N, C-alpha and C. Protein backbone atom coordinates (compact mmCIF):
# COMPACT_ATOMS: atom_id res chain seq x y z
N MET A 1 47.81 29.64 -50.88
CA MET A 1 47.44 31.00 -51.14
C MET A 1 46.89 31.09 -52.56
N PHE A 2 45.99 32.05 -52.75
CA PHE A 2 45.37 32.21 -54.07
C PHE A 2 45.77 33.55 -54.67
N CYS A 3 45.93 33.58 -55.96
CA CYS A 3 46.33 34.81 -56.70
C CYS A 3 45.19 35.81 -56.65
N SER A 4 45.54 37.07 -56.37
CA SER A 4 44.51 38.13 -56.34
C SER A 4 44.16 38.58 -57.75
N GLY A 5 44.93 38.15 -58.75
CA GLY A 5 44.65 38.52 -60.13
C GLY A 5 43.70 37.57 -60.84
N CYS A 6 43.97 36.25 -60.70
CA CYS A 6 43.15 35.29 -61.41
C CYS A 6 42.41 34.32 -60.48
N GLY A 7 42.80 34.26 -59.21
CA GLY A 7 42.11 33.42 -58.24
C GLY A 7 42.62 32.00 -58.15
N LYS A 8 43.58 31.63 -58.98
CA LYS A 8 44.14 30.26 -58.93
C LYS A 8 45.17 30.14 -57.81
N GLU A 9 45.33 28.88 -57.38
CA GLU A 9 46.26 28.61 -56.29
C GLU A 9 47.71 28.79 -56.74
N MET A 10 48.53 29.35 -55.83
CA MET A 10 49.94 29.55 -56.14
C MET A 10 50.75 29.44 -54.86
N SER A 11 52.06 29.29 -55.00
CA SER A 11 52.95 29.18 -53.85
C SER A 11 53.07 30.49 -53.10
N ASP A 12 53.18 30.42 -51.77
CA ASP A 12 53.34 31.63 -50.97
C ASP A 12 54.64 32.36 -51.29
N LYS A 13 55.66 31.63 -51.71
CA LYS A 13 56.96 32.21 -51.93
C LYS A 13 57.19 32.66 -53.39
N ALA A 14 56.23 32.41 -54.27
CA ALA A 14 56.37 32.79 -55.67
C ALA A 14 56.31 34.31 -55.80
N ALA A 15 57.17 34.87 -56.64
CA ALA A 15 57.19 36.31 -56.86
C ALA A 15 56.00 36.76 -57.70
N ALA A 16 55.51 35.86 -58.55
CA ALA A 16 54.37 36.16 -59.42
C ALA A 16 53.57 34.88 -59.66
N CYS A 17 52.32 35.05 -60.02
CA CYS A 17 51.45 33.90 -60.32
C CYS A 17 51.93 33.22 -61.57
N PRO A 18 52.13 31.87 -61.52
CA PRO A 18 52.58 31.16 -62.71
C PRO A 18 51.51 31.07 -63.81
N HIS A 19 50.25 31.37 -63.45
CA HIS A 19 49.17 31.26 -64.42
C HIS A 19 48.94 32.57 -65.17
N CYS A 20 48.91 33.70 -64.42
CA CYS A 20 48.59 34.96 -65.07
C CYS A 20 49.71 36.00 -65.00
N GLY A 21 50.74 35.74 -64.17
CA GLY A 21 51.86 36.66 -64.04
C GLY A 21 51.65 37.81 -63.08
N HIS A 22 50.51 37.84 -62.41
CA HIS A 22 50.21 38.89 -61.44
C HIS A 22 51.21 38.82 -60.29
N PRO A 23 51.84 39.98 -59.90
CA PRO A 23 52.84 39.92 -58.82
C PRO A 23 52.21 39.55 -57.48
N ASN A 24 52.97 38.83 -56.68
CA ASN A 24 52.54 38.41 -55.36
C ASN A 24 52.88 39.54 -54.37
N GLU A 25 51.88 40.27 -53.88
CA GLU A 25 52.11 41.39 -53.00
C GLU A 25 52.77 40.99 -51.69
N SER A 26 52.49 39.80 -51.19
CA SER A 26 53.08 39.38 -49.91
C SER A 26 54.56 39.04 -50.07
N ALA A 27 55.06 38.80 -51.29
CA ALA A 27 56.47 38.48 -51.49
C ALA A 27 57.32 39.72 -51.74
N VAL A 28 56.68 40.86 -51.98
CA VAL A 28 57.40 42.10 -52.23
C VAL A 28 57.93 42.66 -50.93
N GLN A 29 59.24 42.91 -50.88
CA GLN A 29 59.83 43.46 -49.67
C GLN A 29 59.55 44.95 -49.54
N LYS A 30 59.22 45.36 -48.33
CA LYS A 30 58.97 46.75 -48.04
C LYS A 30 60.18 47.35 -47.32
N SER A 31 60.42 48.58 -47.58
CA SER A 31 61.51 49.29 -46.92
C SER A 31 61.10 49.63 -45.47
N PRO A 32 62.08 49.67 -44.56
CA PRO A 32 61.76 50.08 -43.21
C PRO A 32 61.52 51.59 -43.11
N LYS A 33 61.78 52.32 -44.17
CA LYS A 33 61.60 53.79 -44.19
C LYS A 33 60.13 54.11 -44.40
N SER A 34 59.69 55.17 -43.78
CA SER A 34 58.28 55.59 -43.82
C SER A 34 57.98 56.46 -45.03
N LYS A 35 56.88 56.13 -45.70
CA LYS A 35 56.41 56.91 -46.85
C LYS A 35 56.01 58.30 -46.39
N THR A 36 55.33 58.38 -45.24
CA THR A 36 54.87 59.68 -44.74
C THR A 36 56.04 60.60 -44.42
N THR A 37 57.09 60.07 -43.81
CA THR A 37 58.27 60.86 -43.52
C THR A 37 58.92 61.35 -44.80
N ALA A 38 59.01 60.48 -45.79
CA ALA A 38 59.61 60.87 -47.07
C ALA A 38 58.81 61.96 -47.74
N ILE A 39 57.47 61.89 -47.66
CA ILE A 39 56.60 62.94 -48.25
C ILE A 39 56.87 64.27 -47.56
N LEU A 40 56.91 64.28 -46.25
CA LEU A 40 57.13 65.51 -45.51
C LEU A 40 58.51 66.10 -45.77
N LEU A 41 59.53 65.24 -45.81
CA LEU A 41 60.88 65.71 -46.10
C LEU A 41 60.96 66.28 -47.51
N CYS A 42 60.33 65.61 -48.47
CA CYS A 42 60.37 66.07 -49.84
C CYS A 42 59.62 67.39 -50.00
N PHE A 43 58.49 67.51 -49.32
CA PHE A 43 57.67 68.72 -49.45
C PHE A 43 58.41 69.94 -48.87
N PHE A 44 58.98 69.77 -47.67
CA PHE A 44 59.59 70.90 -46.98
C PHE A 44 61.08 71.13 -47.35
N LEU A 45 61.81 70.04 -47.63
CA LEU A 45 63.25 70.16 -47.88
C LEU A 45 63.67 69.47 -49.17
N GLY A 46 62.72 69.33 -50.11
CA GLY A 46 63.00 68.62 -51.35
C GLY A 46 64.06 69.24 -52.23
N VAL A 47 64.14 70.55 -52.24
CA VAL A 47 65.12 71.22 -53.10
C VAL A 47 66.56 70.93 -52.69
N ILE A 48 66.76 70.49 -51.44
CA ILE A 48 68.12 70.09 -51.03
C ILE A 48 68.26 68.58 -50.85
N GLY A 49 67.24 67.84 -51.33
CA GLY A 49 67.34 66.39 -51.42
C GLY A 49 67.36 65.62 -50.12
N VAL A 50 66.83 66.17 -49.06
CA VAL A 50 66.87 65.47 -47.75
C VAL A 50 66.13 64.15 -47.81
N HIS A 51 65.06 64.06 -48.56
CA HIS A 51 64.30 62.81 -48.69
C HIS A 51 65.15 61.72 -49.31
N ARG A 52 66.04 62.07 -50.21
CA ARG A 52 66.91 61.07 -50.83
C ARG A 52 67.97 60.58 -49.86
N PHE A 53 68.50 61.44 -49.04
CA PHE A 53 69.44 61.01 -47.99
C PHE A 53 68.71 60.08 -47.01
N TYR A 54 67.45 60.38 -46.73
CA TYR A 54 66.63 59.58 -45.79
C TYR A 54 66.51 58.14 -46.27
N VAL A 55 66.30 57.94 -47.55
CA VAL A 55 66.14 56.57 -48.09
C VAL A 55 67.45 55.91 -48.51
N GLY A 56 68.57 56.62 -48.31
CA GLY A 56 69.87 56.02 -48.58
C GLY A 56 70.44 56.32 -49.96
N LYS A 57 69.81 57.19 -50.72
CA LYS A 57 70.31 57.56 -52.04
C LYS A 57 71.19 58.79 -51.95
N VAL A 58 72.41 58.59 -51.42
CA VAL A 58 73.29 59.71 -51.12
C VAL A 58 73.78 60.42 -52.37
N GLY A 59 74.12 59.67 -53.39
CA GLY A 59 74.62 60.28 -54.63
C GLY A 59 73.62 61.24 -55.26
N SER A 60 72.41 60.79 -55.40
CA SER A 60 71.38 61.67 -56.01
C SER A 60 70.98 62.76 -55.03
N GLY A 61 71.12 62.53 -53.72
CA GLY A 61 70.89 63.58 -52.75
C GLY A 61 71.88 64.72 -52.92
N ILE A 62 73.14 64.38 -53.11
CA ILE A 62 74.15 65.40 -53.36
C ILE A 62 73.89 66.14 -54.67
N ALA A 63 73.47 65.42 -55.69
CA ALA A 63 73.11 66.03 -56.97
C ALA A 63 71.96 67.00 -56.80
N GLN A 64 71.01 66.69 -55.95
CA GLN A 64 69.89 67.62 -55.72
C GLN A 64 70.35 68.84 -54.96
N ILE A 65 71.29 68.69 -54.06
CA ILE A 65 71.82 69.88 -53.38
C ILE A 65 72.47 70.81 -54.36
N LEU A 66 73.28 70.25 -55.25
CA LEU A 66 74.02 71.06 -56.20
C LEU A 66 73.15 71.75 -57.24
N THR A 67 71.98 71.13 -57.54
CA THR A 67 71.11 71.72 -58.56
C THR A 67 69.84 72.32 -57.98
N PHE A 68 69.78 72.43 -56.64
CA PHE A 68 68.57 72.92 -55.96
C PHE A 68 67.34 72.13 -56.39
N GLY A 69 67.48 70.81 -56.32
CA GLY A 69 66.37 69.92 -56.65
C GLY A 69 66.01 69.98 -58.14
N GLY A 70 67.04 70.15 -58.99
CA GLY A 70 66.76 70.27 -60.42
C GLY A 70 65.93 71.49 -60.67
N PHE A 71 66.26 72.57 -59.97
CA PHE A 71 65.49 73.83 -60.02
C PHE A 71 64.05 73.66 -59.68
N GLY A 72 63.81 72.70 -58.74
CA GLY A 72 62.47 72.46 -58.23
C GLY A 72 61.71 71.38 -58.96
N ILE A 73 62.11 71.11 -60.20
CA ILE A 73 61.36 70.13 -61.01
C ILE A 73 61.63 68.71 -60.50
N TRP A 74 62.87 68.38 -60.24
CA TRP A 74 63.24 67.08 -59.78
C TRP A 74 62.55 66.73 -58.46
N SER A 75 62.56 67.70 -57.53
CA SER A 75 61.93 67.46 -56.24
C SER A 75 60.41 67.36 -56.39
N LEU A 76 59.80 68.09 -57.29
CA LEU A 76 58.36 67.98 -57.54
C LEU A 76 58.01 66.58 -58.11
N VAL A 77 58.81 66.11 -59.03
CA VAL A 77 58.59 64.78 -59.59
C VAL A 77 58.74 63.71 -58.50
N ASP A 78 59.77 63.87 -57.67
CA ASP A 78 59.97 62.93 -56.55
C ASP A 78 58.76 62.92 -55.62
N LEU A 79 58.23 64.11 -55.32
CA LEU A 79 57.06 64.20 -54.44
C LEU A 79 55.88 63.42 -55.02
N ILE A 80 55.65 63.60 -56.29
CA ILE A 80 54.55 62.87 -56.97
C ILE A 80 54.77 61.37 -56.94
N VAL A 81 56.01 60.93 -57.19
CA VAL A 81 56.33 59.52 -57.20
C VAL A 81 56.17 58.92 -55.80
N ILE A 82 56.56 59.65 -54.78
CA ILE A 82 56.42 59.18 -53.39
C ILE A 82 54.96 59.04 -53.06
N ILE A 83 54.16 60.06 -53.38
CA ILE A 83 52.73 60.02 -53.07
C ILE A 83 52.05 58.87 -53.78
N CYS A 84 52.46 58.60 -55.02
CA CYS A 84 51.84 57.49 -55.78
C CYS A 84 52.28 56.13 -55.27
N GLY A 85 53.34 56.08 -54.47
CA GLY A 85 53.77 54.81 -53.88
C GLY A 85 54.78 54.05 -54.70
N ASN A 86 55.46 54.74 -55.61
CA ASN A 86 56.44 54.05 -56.49
C ASN A 86 57.88 54.41 -56.15
N PHE A 87 58.13 55.17 -55.11
CA PHE A 87 59.47 55.59 -54.74
C PHE A 87 60.14 54.43 -53.99
N LYS A 88 61.39 54.17 -54.35
CA LYS A 88 62.13 53.05 -53.73
C LYS A 88 63.34 53.55 -52.96
N ASP A 89 63.75 52.78 -51.97
CA ASP A 89 64.97 53.13 -51.21
C ASP A 89 66.19 52.68 -51.98
N ALA A 90 67.36 52.84 -51.37
CA ALA A 90 68.61 52.50 -52.04
C ALA A 90 68.75 51.01 -52.38
N GLN A 91 68.02 50.16 -51.65
CA GLN A 91 68.07 48.72 -51.93
C GLN A 91 66.95 48.27 -52.90
N GLY A 92 66.21 49.20 -53.45
CA GLY A 92 65.15 48.89 -54.40
C GLY A 92 63.84 48.43 -53.81
N ARG A 93 63.62 48.69 -52.51
CA ARG A 93 62.40 48.30 -51.84
C ARG A 93 61.44 49.49 -51.78
N LEU A 94 60.16 49.24 -51.96
CA LEU A 94 59.16 50.29 -51.90
C LEU A 94 59.01 50.77 -50.46
N LEU A 95 58.75 52.07 -50.30
CA LEU A 95 58.58 52.64 -48.97
C LEU A 95 57.32 52.10 -48.35
N ALA A 96 57.37 51.89 -47.03
CA ALA A 96 56.20 51.33 -46.29
C ALA A 96 55.24 52.43 -45.91
């Protein structure tokens, strides 16, 4: 396999290119949870943290219920992070 950052050959199992440090996208684990579902849950029920329960983040889901999504700010930030593709599930895997 070749690095998409520098084009040099690298191992399929390497987490990053040994030459340039570019992450290996094929080695990154994806969550079985859907990004689209998380976006919809966050948009419609974000103030009560349903999207966080969906990805397994129960503790922060309860915190969102108690604070009404951080008075809307926390759920808005979560929505932006999910849309940008940087939201992770409870095991630290990016949503698929």
